[in-house]
Amino acid sequence: MDVEMELSRVLITEYGPGQLIYLRERGGQERTFPIVIGTMEALAIDRRLNNKPTPRPMTHDLLAGVIAAMGGKLERILIHDLRLSEQPEESSVFIATIYIRQGGKLVEVDSRPSDAIALGVGLGTPIFVSEKVLGEATATPQTPEQRLEYLRVHKEALGRRIEAVQERLEDQEFLNNSSRELIEEHHRLLERMQHEYDAIEQVLKKFS
């Protein structure tokens, strides 16, 4: 069973390698979950969502134009799988498919959710998530063992983000080309994440 969702929030920040979008269930239980995406995709979603014009077509505008020129229509977006990520900055990755109707033929194309949503948001395309993925993405740890495992996974992801911010603060090019306010914000972010990381580590040491 697939559940229809809506894009409820786009969160774009100036730090970190990933941005966030939030999908929310339409009606029903109104379950919601975030997806980490790249900065360029987040900016494309925000631009197409708010109908911000550009001098020339950007990538997702071009793809939308190609689909229309070939007599096709983006019928739906389906996020159907959730896998462990091979990228150090992410703990998991969502897998999506876009469905294009061309005459009497339905074409399925593998896609990242970020690209699918950036393409579809400007066309009013409905977004669906499989019940299995939605359940996994919104699951709340129930047993003590599940809570500890959740903390371990969160600690690992937090550690990768700490490393990414530390590397940026050691990058002389970044320091030379960034405002004082942005650099200070990175330091504050690093401090907050380090405090959270240390607190989780103490909990894990106590109960593991």
C-alpha atoms as a PDB file:
ATOM      1  CA  MET A   1       0.000   0.000   0.000  1.00  0.00           C
ATOM      2  CA  ASP A   2       1.282   3.452  -0.904  1.00  0.00           C
ATOM      3  CA  VAL A   3       0.526   6.524   1.197  1.00  0.00           C
ATOM      4  CA  GLU A   4       0.137   9.975  -0.338  1.00  0.00           C
ATOM      5  CA  MET A   5       2.429  12.604   1.188  1.00  0.00           C
ATOM      6  CA  GLU A   6       2.979  16.322   0.855  1.00  0.00           C
ATOM      7  CA  LEU A   7       6.090  18.453   1.046  1.00  0.00           C
ATOM      8  CA  SER A   8       5.614  20.243   4.360  1.00  0.00           C
ATOM      9  CA  ARG A   9       8.953  21.976   4.877  1.00  0.00           C
ATOM     10  CA  VAL A  10      12.253  22.801   3.177  1.00  0.00           C
ATOM     11  CA  LEU A  11      15.066  23.614   5.612  1.00  0.00           C
ATOM     12  CA  ILE A  12      18.148  25.202   4.029  1.00  0.00           C
ATOM     13  CA  THR A  13      21.128  26.152   6.181  1.00  0.00           C
ATOM     14  CA  GLU A  14      24.554  27.577   5.354  1.00  0.00           C
ATOM     15  CA  TYR A  15      26.492  24.825   7.120  1.00  0.00           C
ATOM     16  CA  GLY A  16      26.801  21.093   6.784  1.00  0.00           C
ATOM     17  CA  PRO A  17      26.849  18.955   3.631  1.00  0.00           C
ATOM     18  CA  GLY A  18      23.135  18.136   3.737  1.00  0.00           C
ATOM     19  CA  GLN A  19      19.858  20.046   3.823  1.00  0.00           C
ATOM     20  CA  LEU A  20      16.472  18.769   4.976  1.00  0.00           C
ATOM     21  CA  ILE A  21      13.041  18.381   3.455  1.00  0.00           C
ATOM     22  CA  TYR A  22      10.074  17.076   5.423  1.00  0.00           C
ATOM     23  CA  LEU A  23       7.286  14.941   3.996  1.00  0.00           C
ATOM     24  CA  ARG A  24       3.950  14.732   5.817  1.00  0.00           C
ATOM     25  CA  GLU A  25       1.133  12.245   5.348  1.00  0.00           C
ATOM     26  CA  ARG A  26      -1.991  13.745   3.784  1.00  0.00           C
ATOM     27  CA  GLY A  27      -4.890  13.091   6.151  1.00  0.00           C
ATOM     28  CA  GLY A  28      -4.814   9.896   8.149  1.00  0.00           C
ATOM     29  CA  GLN A  29      -2.238   9.848  10.927  1.00  0.00           C
ATOM     30  CA  GLU A  30      -0.294  12.776   9.446  1.00  0.00           C
ATOM     31  CA  ARG A  31       3.006  10.992  10.005  1.00  0.00           C
ATOM     32  CA  THR A  32       6.066  13.022   9.006  1.00  0.00           C
ATOM     33  CA  PHE A  33       9.752  12.363   8.423  1.00  0.00           C
ATOM     34  CA  PRO A  34      12.828  14.194   7.095  1.00  0.00           C
ATOM     35  CA  ILE A  35      15.044  13.370   4.119  1.00  0.00           C
ATOM     36  CA  VAL A  36      18.611  14.644   3.900  1.00  0.00           C
ATOM     37  CA  ILE A  37      19.349  16.063   0.445  1.00  0.00           C
ATOM     38  CA  GLY A  38      22.052  18.092  -1.268  1.00  0.00           C
ATOM     39  CA  THR A  39      22.164  21.866  -1.209  1.00  0.00           C
ATOM     40  CA  MET A  40      21.628  22.254  -4.974  1.00  0.00           C
ATOM     41  CA  GLU A  41      18.555  20.001  -4.900  1.00  0.00           C
ATOM     42  CA  ALA A  42      17.151  21.882  -1.881  1.00  0.00           C
ATOM     43  CA  LEU A  43      17.602  25.200  -3.661  1.00  0.00           C
ATOM     44  CA  ALA A  44      15.952  23.778  -6.795  1.00  0.00           C
ATOM     45  CA  ILE A  45      12.963  22.558  -4.761  1.00  0.00           C
ATOM     46  CA  ASP A  46      12.611  25.914  -3.033  1.00  0.00           C
ATOM     47  CA  ARG A  47      12.900  27.796  -6.333  1.00  0.00           C
ATOM     48  CA  ARG A  48      10.353  25.647  -8.195  1.00  0.00           C
ATOM     49  CA  LEU A  49       8.017  25.535  -5.195  1.00  0.00           C
ATOM     50  CA  ASN A  50       7.939  29.335  -5.067  1.00  0.00           C
ATOM     51  CA  ASN A  51       7.990  29.866  -8.850  1.00  0.00           C
ATOM     52  CA  LYS A  52      11.214  31.859  -8.780  1.00  0.00           C
ATOM     53  CA  PRO A  53      12.269  32.597 -12.379  1.00  0.00           C
ATOM     54  CA  THR A  54      15.763  32.057 -13.777  1.00  0.00           C
ATOM     55  CA  PRO A  55      17.297  33.615 -16.922  1.00  0.00           C
ATOM     56  CA  ARG A  56      17.725  30.178 -18.510  1.00  0.00           C
ATOM     57  CA  PRO A  57      16.265  26.728 -17.689  1.00  0.00           C
ATOM     58  CA  MET A  58      17.999  24.911 -14.844  1.00  0.00           C
ATOM     59  CA  THR A  59      18.438  21.118 -14.809  1.00  0.00           C
ATOM     60  CA  HIS A  60      15.006  20.210 -13.411  1.00  0.00           C
ATOM     61  CA  ASP A  61      13.305  22.823 -15.629  1.00  0.00           C
ATOM     62  CA  LEU A  62      15.052  21.276 -18.621  1.00  0.00           C
ATOM     63  CA  LEU A  63      13.960  17.757 -17.669  1.00  0.00           C
ATOM     64  CA  ALA A  64      10.367  18.913 -17.199  1.00  0.00           C
ATOM     65  CA  GLY A  65      10.524  20.548 -20.626  1.00  0.00           C
ATOM     66  CA  VAL A  66      11.906  17.402 -22.263  1.00  0.00           C
ATOM     67  CA  ILE A  67       9.154  15.252 -20.751  1.00  0.00           C
ATOM     68  CA  ALA A  68       6.466  17.678 -21.974  1.00  0.00           C
ATOM     69  CA  ALA A  69       8.034  18.029 -25.440  1.00  0.00           C
ATOM     70  CA  MET A  70       7.971  14.242 -25.861  1.00  0.00           C
ATOM     71  CA  GLY A  71       4.288  14.118 -25.005  1.00  0.00           C
ATOM     72  CA  GLY A  72       4.787  12.820 -21.506  1.00  0.00           C
ATOM     73  CA  LYS A  73       3.407  13.719 -18.106  1.00  0.00           C
ATOM     74  CA  LEU A  74       4.977  13.077 -14.717  1.00  0.00           C
ATOM     75  CA  GLU A  75       2.165  11.073 -13.143  1.00  0.00           C
ATOM     76  CA  ARG A  76       3.479  10.237  -9.695  1.00  0.00           C
ATOM     77  CA  ILE A  77       6.545   9.935  -7.470  1.00  0.00           C
ATOM     78  CA  LEU A  78       6.979   6.864  -5.293  1.00  0.00           C
ATOM     79  CA  ILE A  79       9.563   6.474  -2.510  1.00  0.00           C
ATOM     80  CA  HIS A  80       9.645   2.717  -2.124  1.00  0.00           C
ATOM     81  CA  ASP A  81      12.836   1.658  -0.347  1.00  0.00           C
ATOM     82  CA  LEU A  82      15.122   2.666   2.520  1.00  0.00           C
ATOM     83  CA  ARG A  83      18.678   1.322   2.557  1.00  0.00           C
ATOM     84  CA  LEU A  84      21.886   1.811   4.487  1.00  0.00           C
ATOM     85  CA  SER A  85      23.933   4.546   2.857  1.00  0.00           C
ATOM     86  CA  GLU A  86      27.485   4.155   1.583  1.00  0.00           C
ATOM     87  CA  GLN A  87      28.043   7.875   2.113  1.00  0.00           C
ATOM     88  CA  PRO A  88      29.713   8.848   5.415  1.00  0.00           C
ATOM     89  CA  GLU A  89      27.447  11.832   6.020  1.00  0.00           C
ATOM     90  CA  GLU A  90      24.240   9.768   5.831  1.00  0.00           C
ATOM     91  CA  SER A  91      23.047   6.769   7.849  1.00  0.00           C
ATOM     92  CA  SER A  92      20.381   5.732   5.322  1.00  0.00           C
ATOM     93  CA  VAL A  93      19.223   6.549   1.807  1.00  0.00           C
ATOM     94  CA  PHE A  94      15.736   6.632   0.303  1.00  0.00           C
ATOM     95  CA  ILE A  95      15.065   5.118  -3.134  1.00  0.00           C
ATOM     96  CA  ALA A  96      12.430   6.569  -5.452  1.00  0.00           C
ATOM     97  CA  THR A  97      10.838   5.967  -8.842  1.00  0.00           C
ATOM     98  CA  ILE A  98       9.168   8.531 -11.072  1.00  0.00           C
ATOM     99  CA  TYR A  99       6.275   7.394 -13.282  1.00  0.00           C
ATOM    100  CA  ILE A 100       5.908   9.129 -16.642  1.00  0.00           C
ATOM    101  CA  ARG A 101       2.762   8.637 -18.719  1.00  0.00           C
ATOM    102  CA  GLN A 102       3.438   8.842 -22.449  1.00  0.00           C
ATOM    103  CA  GLY A 103       0.359   8.037 -24.457  1.00  0.00           C
ATOM    104  CA  GLY A 104      -0.816   4.630 -23.326  1.00  0.00           C
ATOM    105  CA  LYS A 105       2.601   3.708 -21.938  1.00  0.00           C
ATOM    106  CA  LEU A 106       3.755   4.133 -18.334  1.00  0.00           C
ATOM    107  CA  VAL A 107       7.525   4.574 -18.030  1.00  0.00           C
ATOM    108  CA  GLU A 108       9.298   3.959 -14.709  1.00  0.00           C
ATOM    109  CA  VAL A 109      12.572   5.799 -14.042  1.00  0.00           C
ATOM    110  CA  ASP A 110      14.837   5.259 -11.027  1.00  0.00           C
ATOM    111  CA  SER A 111      15.509   8.511  -9.164  1.00  0.00           C
ATOM    112  CA  ARG A 112      16.776  10.073  -5.998  1.00  0.00           C
ATOM    113  CA  PRO A 113      13.833  11.475  -3.992  1.00  0.00           C
ATOM    114  CA  SER A 114      15.431  14.926  -4.073  1.00  0.00           C
ATOM    115  CA  ASP A 115      15.541  15.037  -7.877  1.00  0.00           C
ATOM    116  CA  ALA A 116      12.076  13.515  -8.193  1.00  0.00           C
ATOM    117  CA  ILE A 117      10.583  16.091  -5.825  1.00  0.00           C
ATOM    118  CA  ALA A 118      12.504  18.987  -7.406  1.00  0.00           C
ATOM    119  CA  LEU A 119      11.055  17.923 -10.751  1.00  0.00           C
ATOM    120  CA  GLY A 120       7.543  17.175  -9.514  1.00  0.00           C
ATOM    121  CA  VAL A 121       7.012  20.114  -7.174  1.00  0.00           C
ATOM    122  CA  GLY A 122       6.830  22.504 -10.106  1.00  0.00           C
ATOM    123  CA  LEU A 123       4.288  20.289 -11.866  1.00  0.00           C
ATOM    124  CA  GLY A 124       1.970  19.522  -8.961  1.00  0.00           C
ATOM    125  CA  THR A 125       2.889  15.838  -9.101  1.00  0.00           C
ATOM    126  CA  PRO A 126       1.586  13.714  -6.196  1.00  0.00           C
ATOM    127  CA  ILE A 127       4.170  12.105  -3.917  1.00  0.00           C
ATOM    128  CA  PHE A 128       3.654   8.641  -2.452  1.00  0.00           C
ATOM    129  CA  VAL A 129       5.640   6.607   0.073  1.00  0.00           C
ATOM    130  CA  SER A 130       5.217   2.874   0.548  1.00  0.00           C
ATOM    131  CA  GLU A 131       3.709   1.891   3.891  1.00  0.00           C
ATOM    132  CA  LYS A 132       6.825  -0.173   4.663  1.00  0.00           C
ATOM    133  CA  VAL A 133       9.173   2.793   4.169  1.00  0.00           C
ATOM    134  CA  LEU A 134       6.852   5.182   6.003  1.00  0.00           C
ATOM    135  CA  GLY A 135       6.704   2.789   8.942  1.00  0.00           C
ATOM    136  CA  GLU A 136      10.494   2.486   9.070  1.00  0.00           C
ATOM    137  CA  ALA A 137      11.075   6.226   8.668  1.00  0.00           C
ATOM    138  CA  THR A 138       8.641   7.190  11.434  1.00  0.00           C
ATOM    139  CA  ALA A 139       9.200   4.272  13.801  1.00  0.00           C
ATOM    140  CA  THR A 140       9.780   5.124  17.455  1.00  0.00           C
ATOM    141  CA  PRO A 141      12.094   2.807  19.440  1.00  0.00           C
ATOM    142  CA  GLN A 142       9.990   0.835  21.939  1.00  0.00           C
ATOM    143  CA  THR A 143      12.245  -1.457  23.970  1.00  0.00           C
ATOM    144  CA  PRO A 144      15.378  -0.392  25.925  1.00  0.00           C
ATOM    145  CA  GLU A 145      17.502  -2.301  23.404  1.00  0.00           C
ATOM    146  CA  GLN A 146      15.900  -0.439  20.495  1.00  0.00           C
ATOM    147  CA  ARG A 147      16.440   2.905  22.222  1.00  0.00           C
ATOM    148  CA  LEU A 148      20.105   2.118  22.804  1.00  0.00           C
ATOM    149  CA  GLU A 149      20.542   1.047  19.178  1.00  0.00           C
ATOM    150  CA  TYR A 150      18.860   4.270  18.050  1.00  0.00           C
ATOM    151  CA  LEU A 151      21.329   6.237  20.191  1.00  0.00           C
ATOM    152  CA  ARG A 152      24.276   4.318  18.718  1.00  0.00           C
ATOM    153  CA  VAL A 153      23.172   5.059  15.161  1.00  0.00           C
ATOM    154  CA  HIS A 154      22.487   8.705  16.023  1.00  0.00           C
ATOM    155  CA  LYS A 155      25.883   8.999  17.701  1.00  0.00           C
ATOM    156  CA  GLU A 156      27.633   7.664  14.586  1.00  0.00           C
ATOM    157  CA  ALA A 157      25.767  10.088  12.320  1.00  0.00           C
ATOM    158  CA  LEU A 158      26.494  12.931  14.732  1.00  0.00           C
ATOM    159  CA  GLY A 159      30.181  11.996  14.751  1.00  0.00           C
ATOM    160  CA  ARG A 160      30.299  12.249  10.956  1.00  0.00           C
ATOM    161  CA  ARG A 161      28.675  15.690  11.060  1.00  0.00           C
ATOM    162  CA  ILE A 162      31.152  16.838  13.711  1.00  0.00           C
ATOM    163  CA  GLU A 163      34.033  15.716  11.501  1.00  0.00           C
ATOM    164  CA  ALA A 164      32.538  17.541   8.504  1.00  0.00           C
ATOM    165  CA  VAL A 165      32.217  20.820  10.435  1.00  0.00           C
ATOM    166  CA  GLN A 166      35.718  20.440  11.917  1.00  0.00           C
ATOM    167  CA  GLU A 167      37.162  19.920   8.435  1.00  0.00           C
ATOM    168  CA  ARG A 168      35.383  23.029   7.206  1.00  0.00           C
ATOM    169  CA  LEU A 169      36.748  25.081  10.108  1.00  0.00           C
ATOM    170  CA  GLU A 170      40.252  23.844   9.232  1.00  0.00           C
ATOM    171  CA  ASP A 171      39.803  24.754   5.551  1.00  0.00           C
ATOM    172  CA  GLN A 172      41.759  27.963   4.986  1.00  0.00           C
ATOM    173  CA  GLU A 173      39.814  28.785   1.814  1.00  0.00           C
ATOM    174  CA  PHE A 174      36.526  28.576   3.722  1.00  0.00           C
ATOM    175  CA  LEU A 175      37.909  30.751   6.524  1.00  0.00           C
ATOM    176  CA  ASN A 176      39.237  33.346   4.093  1.00  0.00           C
ATOM    177  CA  ASN A 177      35.989  33.605   2.115  1.00  0.00           C
ATOM    178  CA  SER A 178      33.407  33.390   4.920  1.00  0.00           C
ATOM    179  CA  SER A 179      31.960  36.093   7.109  1.00  0.00           C
ATOM    180  CA  ARG A 180      32.797  36.271  10.790  1.00  0.00           C
ATOM    181  CA  GLU A 181      29.157  35.519  11.613  1.00  0.00           C
ATOM    182  CA  LEU A 182      29.154  32.338   9.519  1.00  0.00           C
ATOM    183  CA  ILE A 183      32.387  31.096  11.093  1.00  0.00           C
ATOM    184  CA  GLU A 184      31.039  31.810  14.576  1.00  0.00           C
ATOM    185  CA  GLU A 185      27.845  29.934  13.693  1.00  0.00           C
ATOM    186  CA  HIS A 186      29.954  26.923  12.703  1.00  0.00           C
ATOM    187  CA  HIS A 187      31.722  27.049  16.066  1.00  0.00           C
ATOM    188  CA  ARG A 188      28.401  27.235  17.919  1.00  0.00           C
ATOM    189  CA  LEU A 189      27.047  24.342  15.885  1.00  0.00           C
ATOM    190  CA  LEU A 190      30.160  22.303  16.600  1.00  0.00           C
ATOM    191  CA  GLU A 191      29.856  22.992  20.312  1.00  0.00           C
ATOM    192  CA  ARG A 192      26.186  21.957  20.385  1.00  0.00           C
ATOM    193  CA  MET A 193      26.843  18.766  18.477  1.00  0.00           C
ATOM    194  CA  GLN A 194      29.828  17.896  20.663  1.00  0.00           C
ATOM    195  CA  HIS A 195      27.733  18.347  23.818  1.00  0.00           C
ATOM    196  CA  GLU A 196      25.038  16.071  22.390  1.00  0.00           C
ATOM    197  CA  TYR A 197      27.642  13.522  21.288  1.00  0.00           C
ATOM    198  CA  ASP A 198      29.250  13.465  24.763  1.00  0.00           C
ATOM    199  CA  ALA A 199      25.849  13.102  26.457  1.00  0.00           C
ATOM    200  CA  ILE A 200      24.911  10.151  24.253  1.00  0.00           C
ATOM    201  CA  GLU A 201      28.291   8.558  24.892  1.00  0.00           C
ATOM    202  CA  GLN A 202      27.738   8.796  28.645  1.00  0.00           C
ATOM    203  CA  VAL A 203      24.312   7.153  28.352  1.00  0.00           C
ATOM    204  CA  LEU A 204      25.683   4.339  26.214  1.00  0.00           C
ATOM    205  CA  LYS A 205      28.556   3.713  28.629  1.00  0.00           C
ATOM    206  CA  LYS A 206      26.117   3.553  31.543  1.00  0.00           C
ATOM    207  CA  PHE A 207      23.567   1.192  30.015  1.00  0.00           C
ATOM    208  CA  SER A 208      25.531  -0.842  27.457  1.00  0.00           C
END
